[in-house]
Amino acid sequence: MNYIAVVEDSAQDRAVLDSYLEKYQQEKNCHFQITHFSDGDEIALGYKGGYDLILMDIEMPGMNGLDAARAVLEQRPECKVIFVTAYSLFQYAHEAVHLGACDYLLKPVDPDELEASVRRAIRQIQTERKLEELAAALQSWLRWNRSRKLTRRAMPPKQGRTTAMHWSWPMCASIWRITICSTSRWTV
């Protein structure tokens, strides 16, 4: 389940966004828990929500959407934001991009554009969740397997030769190889 916040001061625009999200849920057979806020202050001040996606208007009474998004993203940087506004000012779009917004949609919102934008954001959220799960599983496996691999790969040295052992494991799409050498000689 994905948690979505709709931050919109206009009740009519909020209803339109809700109808589009409801249609998306039915067509894609998914479920959203949607929470509504009527201005930026409500969501930004004392942010406690674990929202995955925020559909945010920019011009609202109180705190504007850009400042509210900045406050939320400071607390939860993995949250995705889609700005939905009637203002096509370059300054707003520029700042939205710098905040890391998934999209910047103009009102009146085209249902197909909103669907595509929400689909991309949800795909990013799901990908990030899978990566977090894989990273946690890998870390767990590494803790369990590290000493086992070191012991298994170490070979007793032959007389007059150096001891060498190595192991490798993937970390964040990189491969690390560590080699430990010893120059001590065994006498038999």
Protein backbone atom coordinates (compact mmCIF):
# COMPACT_ATOMS: atom_id res chain seq x y z
CA MET A 1 0.00 0.00 0.00
CA ASN A 2 1.18 3.50 -0.79
CA TYR A 3 0.46 6.52 1.38
CA ILE A 4 -0.42 9.62 -0.60
CA ALA A 5 -0.96 13.17 0.63
CA VAL A 6 -2.96 15.62 -1.46
CA VAL A 7 -2.11 19.19 -0.48
CA GLU A 8 -4.57 21.48 -2.25
CA ASP A 9 -6.42 24.56 -0.99
CA SER A 10 -9.24 24.32 -3.55
CA ALA A 11 -11.92 21.77 -2.65
CA GLN A 12 -12.88 21.44 -6.31
CA ASP A 13 -9.30 20.66 -7.42
CA ARG A 14 -8.93 18.25 -4.48
CA ALA A 15 -12.06 16.41 -5.65
CA VAL A 16 -10.70 16.20 -9.21
CA LEU A 17 -7.38 14.76 -7.99
CA ASP A 18 -9.25 12.28 -5.77
CA SER A 19 -11.38 11.10 -8.68
CA TYR A 20 -8.27 10.56 -10.83
CA LEU A 21 -6.52 8.66 -8.05
CA GLU A 22 -9.63 6.53 -7.46
CA LYS A 23 -9.81 5.71 -11.16
CA TYR A 24 -6.10 4.83 -11.16
CA GLN A 25 -6.59 2.47 -8.19
CA GLN A 26 -9.44 0.67 -9.91
CA GLU A 27 -7.64 0.33 -13.25
CA LYS A 28 -4.32 -0.79 -11.75
CA ASN A 29 -5.83 -2.89 -8.96
CA CYS A 30 -3.81 -1.17 -6.26
CA HIS A 31 -4.66 0.61 -3.03
CA PHE A 32 -3.69 4.05 -1.77
CA GLN A 33 -4.33 5.56 1.61
CA ILE A 34 -5.00 9.21 0.81
CA THR A 35 -4.80 12.06 3.31
CA HIS A 36 -5.88 15.62 2.51
CA PHE A 37 -4.35 18.90 3.58
CA SER A 38 -5.69 22.33 2.66
CA ASP A 39 -2.42 24.26 2.92
CA GLY A 40 1.33 23.84 3.24
CA ASP A 41 1.38 24.63 6.96
CA GLU A 42 -0.76 21.59 7.77
CA ILE A 43 1.62 19.09 6.22
CA ALA A 44 4.97 20.82 6.89
CA LEU A 45 4.69 21.96 10.50
CA GLY A 46 5.10 19.00 12.80
CA TYR A 47 5.33 16.54 9.91
CA LYS A 48 4.70 13.05 11.24
CA GLY A 49 3.26 11.32 8.22
CA GLY A 50 5.02 8.57 6.38
CA TYR A 51 3.81 9.61 2.96
CA ASP A 52 5.33 7.96 -0.09
CA LEU A 53 3.94 10.48 -2.56
CA ILE A 54 2.66 14.04 -2.19
CA LEU A 55 0.55 15.82 -4.79
CA MET A 56 1.20 19.46 -3.92
CA ASP A 57 -0.23 22.76 -5.08
CA ILE A 58 2.19 25.69 -5.01
CA GLU A 59 0.12 28.83 -4.38
CA MET A 60 -1.81 28.28 -1.15
CA PRO A 61 -2.62 30.41 1.87
CA GLY A 62 -0.01 30.20 4.59
CA MET A 63 3.09 28.30 3.56
CA ASN A 64 3.41 27.81 -0.20
CA GLY A 65 3.90 24.36 -1.69
CA LEU A 66 7.60 24.79 -2.45
CA ASP A 67 8.44 25.68 1.15
CA ALA A 68 6.19 22.89 2.45
CA ALA A 69 7.87 20.36 0.14
CA ARG A 70 11.30 21.55 1.28
CA ALA A 71 10.29 21.06 4.94
CA VAL A 72 8.88 17.59 4.30
CA LEU A 73 11.87 16.48 2.20
CA GLU A 74 14.28 17.56 4.95
CA GLN A 75 12.57 15.06 7.25
CA ARG A 76 11.88 12.36 4.68
CA PRO A 77 14.09 12.73 1.57
CA GLU A 78 12.79 9.53 -0.05
CA CYS A 79 9.28 11.01 -0.34
CA LYS A 80 8.23 11.74 -3.93
CA VAL A 81 6.56 15.06 -4.77
CA ILE A 82 4.45 15.94 -7.79
CA PHE A 83 3.56 19.61 -8.06
CA VAL A 84 0.11 20.33 -9.46
CA THR A 85 -0.36 24.05 -10.00
CA ALA A 86 -2.03 26.65 -12.18
CA TYR A 87 1.20 28.67 -12.38
CA SER A 88 3.58 28.05 -15.23
CA LEU A 89 6.24 30.44 -13.92
CA PHE A 90 9.76 29.33 -14.75
CA GLN A 91 10.94 30.23 -11.25
CA TYR A 92 8.48 27.75 -9.69
CA ALA A 93 9.38 24.95 -12.10
CA HIS A 94 13.09 25.64 -11.63
CA GLU A 95 12.81 25.45 -7.84
CA ALA A 96 10.66 22.31 -8.07
CA VAL A 97 13.36 20.60 -10.13
CA HIS A 98 16.01 21.60 -7.59
CA LEU A 99 13.88 20.09 -4.82
CA GLY A 100 13.84 16.80 -6.75
CA ALA A 101 10.18 16.83 -7.77
CA CYS A 102 9.00 13.86 -9.81
CA ASP A 103 6.86 16.08 -12.01
CA TYR A 104 5.36 19.54 -12.46
CA LEU A 105 1.80 19.41 -13.81
CA LEU A 106 -0.33 22.39 -14.83
CA LYS A 107 -4.02 22.76 -14.00
CA PRO A 108 -6.40 21.78 -15.38
CA VAL A 109 -4.72 18.42 -14.99
CA ASP A 110 -4.94 15.98 -17.87
CA PRO A 111 -5.92 12.59 -16.37
CA ASP A 112 -3.46 10.74 -18.62
CA GLU A 113 -0.59 13.01 -17.56
CA LEU A 114 -1.44 12.54 -13.90
CA GLU A 115 -1.70 8.78 -14.33
CA ALA A 116 1.69 8.61 -16.06
CA SER A 117 3.28 10.79 -13.40
CA VAL A 118 1.81 8.77 -10.51
CA ARG A 119 2.82 5.52 -12.23
CA ARG A 120 6.45 6.71 -12.57
CA ALA A 121 6.56 7.86 -8.95
CA ILE A 122 5.11 4.59 -7.65
CA ARG A 123 7.56 2.61 -9.79
CA GLN A 124 10.42 4.62 -8.23
CA ILE A 125 9.03 4.00 -4.74
CA GLN A 126 8.73 0.26 -5.37
CA THR A 127 12.23 0.08 -6.84
CA GLU A 128 13.70 1.90 -3.85
CA ARG A 129 11.87 -0.44 -1.45
CA LYS A 130 13.21 -3.50 -3.25
CA LEU A 131 16.73 -2.08 -3.19
CA GLU A 132 16.42 -1.44 0.56
CA GLU A 133 15.23 -5.02 1.11
CA LEU A 134 18.07 -6.41 -0.98
CA ALA A 135 20.63 -4.23 0.81
CA ALA A 136 19.34 -5.40 4.21
CA ALA A 137 19.43 -9.04 3.11
CA LEU A 138 22.93 -8.59 1.72
CA GLN A 139 24.17 -6.96 4.92
CA SER A 140 22.68 -9.79 6.95
CA TRP A 141 24.27 -12.38 4.68
CA LEU A 142 27.62 -10.59 4.84
CA ARG A 143 27.61 -10.54 8.63
CA TRP A 144 26.81 -14.25 8.72
CA ASN A 145 29.08 -15.30 5.89
CA ARG A 146 32.10 -13.02 6.32
CA SER A 147 33.97 -15.12 8.87
CA ARG A 148 32.97 -18.34 7.12
CA LYS A 149 34.37 -17.12 3.79
CA LEU A 150 37.59 -15.92 5.36
CA THR A 151 38.13 -19.26 7.04
CA ARG A 152 37.20 -21.28 3.99
CA ARG A 153 39.36 -19.35 1.52
CA ALA A 154 42.49 -19.32 3.65
CA MET A 155 44.88 -22.03 2.55
CA PRO A 156 47.72 -23.35 4.67
CA PRO A 157 51.02 -22.15 3.28
CA LYS A 158 53.56 -24.44 1.76
CA GLN A 159 57.11 -24.22 3.00
CA GLY A 160 58.88 -21.20 1.60
CA ARG A 161 55.75 -19.59 0.11
CA THR A 162 53.63 -16.69 1.30
CA THR A 163 50.11 -17.09 2.51
CA ALA A 164 47.44 -15.31 0.53
CA MET A 165 43.71 -15.24 0.86
CA HIS A 166 41.13 -13.12 -0.83
CA TRP A 167 37.42 -12.63 -0.87
CA SER A 168 34.98 -10.39 -2.65
CA TRP A 169 31.39 -9.31 -2.23
CA PRO A 170 29.14 -6.79 -3.95
CA MET A 171 28.36 -3.54 -2.18
CA CYS A 172 26.16 -0.94 -3.89
CA ALA A 173 26.81 -2.23 -7.42
CA SER A 174 30.58 -2.32 -6.81
CA ILE A 175 32.78 -5.33 -6.25
CA TRP A 176 35.37 -5.14 -3.53
CA ARG A 177 38.30 -7.50 -3.44
CA ILE A 178 40.49 -7.66 -0.41
CA THR A 179 43.75 -9.58 -0.38
CA ILE A 180 45.70 -10.34 2.76
CA CYS A 181 49.25 -11.58 2.41
CA SER A 182 51.60 -12.94 4.99
CA THR A 183 55.30 -13.52 4.43
CA SER A 184 55.86 -15.83 7.36
CA ARG A 185 57.35 -19.24 6.55
CA TRP A 186 56.31 -22.51 8.00
CA THR A 187 58.82 -25.09 8.93
CA VAL A 188 57.84 -28.69 8.96
